[in-house]
Each structure stands twice: as structure tokens, then as C-alpha cells.
Protein backbone atom coordinates (compact mmCIF):
# COMPACT_ATOMS: atom_id res chain seq x y z
CA PRO A 1 0.80 -0.26 0.39
CA LEU A 2 1.06 3.71 -0.45
CA PRO A 3 1.47 6.52 2.06
CA PRO A 4 -1.33 8.78 0.99
CA SER A 5 1.17 11.75 1.11
CA SER A 6 4.98 11.40 1.66
CA GLY A 7 6.60 15.36 3.53
CA SER A 8 8.97 17.79 3.78
CA THR A 9 11.03 20.30 5.20
CA THR A 10 13.19 21.18 3.01
CA ASP A 11 13.08 23.53 -0.53
CA LEU A 12 11.32 22.66 -3.38
CA LYS A 13 14.66 23.26 -5.11
CA PHE A 14 16.31 20.37 -3.02
CA ILE A 15 13.62 17.56 -3.93
CA ALA A 16 14.60 15.77 -6.84
CA HIS A 17 12.34 15.97 -10.16
CA ALA A 18 12.22 12.13 -9.43
CA VAL A 19 10.42 11.65 -6.19
CA ALA A 20 7.40 14.48 -7.49
CA HIS A 21 7.40 12.15 -10.64
CA TRP A 22 6.88 8.93 -8.16
CA CYS A 23 4.45 10.42 -6.23
CA ARG A 24 2.71 12.09 -9.47
CA PHE A 25 2.70 8.74 -11.19
CA ASN A 26 1.39 6.51 -8.00
CA THR A 27 -0.78 8.39 -6.58
CA ALA A 28 0.39 9.37 -3.24
CA GLY A 29 0.53 13.76 -2.90
CA ALA A 30 3.61 15.41 -1.67
CA LEU A 31 4.00 17.69 1.81
CA PHE A 32 5.81 20.60 1.33
CA ILE A 33 6.85 22.29 3.80
CA ASP A 34 7.21 25.58 1.76
CA PRO A 35 10.27 28.21 3.13
CA GLY A 36 10.05 31.10 6.60
CA SER A 37 6.93 28.46 6.89
CA PRO A 38 8.63 26.88 10.35
CA HIS A 39 5.11 26.28 11.94
CA LEU A 40 4.80 24.08 9.43
CA ASN A 41 6.47 21.95 11.42
CA ALA A 42 5.63 21.67 15.43
CA TRP A 43 9.48 20.11 16.50
CA VAL A 44 10.84 24.11 14.61
CA ALA A 45 7.95 25.99 16.27
CA SER A 46 8.60 24.41 19.85
CA PHE A 47 12.62 25.00 19.43
CA ASN A 48 12.25 28.42 18.05
CA ALA A 49 9.94 29.25 21.09
CA ARG A 50 12.69 28.16 23.00
CA LEU A 51 14.38 29.40 21.67
CA ARG A 52 13.27 33.08 22.47
CA ASP A 53 11.23 33.05 25.49
CA GLU A 54 14.14 31.20 26.99
CA HIS A 55 17.37 32.99 25.62
CA LEU A 56 17.02 35.83 22.51
CA ASN A 57 13.86 37.71 24.69
CA ARG A 58 16.03 37.30 27.77
CA GLN A 59 19.50 39.29 26.42
CA LEU A 60 20.07 42.63 25.46
CA PHE A 61 23.44 42.42 22.56
CA ASP A 62 26.47 44.80 22.20
CA ASN A 63 28.30 43.53 19.53
CA LEU A 64 27.16 40.46 16.46
CA LEU A 65 30.22 38.31 18.75
CA GLU A 66 28.03 38.65 21.70
CA ALA A 67 24.94 37.30 20.17
CA LYS A 68 27.11 33.98 18.62
CA MET A 69 29.38 34.03 21.62
CA LEU A 70 26.31 34.01 24.63
CA THR A 71 23.67 31.96 21.82
CA GLU A 72 26.12 29.61 22.11
CA ASP A 73 26.51 29.05 25.24
CA TRP A 74 22.84 29.11 25.38
CA ARG A 75 22.80 25.90 22.29
CA ILE A 76 25.31 23.96 24.28
CA ASP A 77 23.78 24.84 27.78
CA TYR A 78 20.42 23.02 25.55
CA ASN A 79 21.64 19.78 24.14
CA THR A 80 23.29 18.84 27.12
CA ASN A 81 22.77 20.22 30.23
CA ARG A 82 18.61 20.10 29.86
CA THR A 83 16.00 16.52 30.86
CA TYR A 84 13.71 16.50 28.47
CA SER A 85 10.77 14.00 29.46
CA GLY A 86 11.22 12.20 25.97
CA LEU A 87 15.20 10.95 27.96
CA GLY A 88 13.41 10.40 31.27
CA PRO A 89 15.09 11.98 33.65
CA ASN A 90 18.65 11.91 31.68
CA THR A 91 20.56 14.27 30.12
CA PRO A 92 21.15 14.05 26.06
CA ALA A 93 25.12 14.19 27.47
CA GLN A 94 23.86 11.33 29.76
CA LEU A 95 21.15 8.82 27.54
CA GLY A 96 24.73 9.62 24.81
CA ALA A 97 27.69 8.38 27.23
CA ASP A 98 25.18 5.77 28.60
CA TRP A 99 24.60 4.31 25.09
CA PHE A 100 28.94 4.57 24.48
CA THR A 101 29.66 2.71 27.38
CA GLY A 102 26.93 0.00 26.82
CA GLY A 103 24.13 1.01 24.92
CA GLN A 104 26.28 -0.44 21.63
CA GLN A 105 26.35 -3.90 22.14
CA LEU A 106 22.52 -4.49 22.31
CA LEU A 107 22.74 -3.18 18.85
CA ALA A 108 25.71 -5.56 17.74
């Protein structure tokens, strides 16, 4: 059975014509998220809201270098130190370390 549609977050110019033809000839629709429309992707919209609320709205940057440095600090904290509901009580760094030390054996 064919999927009723497929989705992509990439720009239309990067979508191969072969995929578009395949969708058309196999009666599968193609759903594209237009560039500049992150609100159509729930994960992107959630991240953008967190970035705005937790970082950008709380800072007054004096120059571009300061903005880059503080944003990089926030990114590192966001990706390594905070817990996520999908990971249980672990941070991404803890989960990665646990997988590296023991989880790889599960895949073997």
C-alpha cells in the first residue's frame, strides 16, 4: 500500500524531480513545508519558542560577537545539560554517554 502523502521540510528546489514524478504516478501526494514557514513543523516551532523565550528575550546584545558567544553557550546548555521528557530523567549528554559505554552492545 502506498502512503497517502509524504512530507519534507526542505526547500522545493532541493526536492528531486524523480520524487515528484514518483508521487504523481503512484497516486501519493507530496506535502511540502514552504521556506519561512516553521510554524508548519511542530518541532521547529517548539524550538523557536524556547530559543526566543529562554534566550533572545532575556538578552541585550552589545554586538554580533557577544550575540554569537551567548547563543552558543545557550545551545550547548540546551543540547547537553537539560532534561527532556522523552529521555526520562537523563540529559542528552548522559544518554549519549550511557549508549556509548553500554548501548552499542545491544545493536551487535
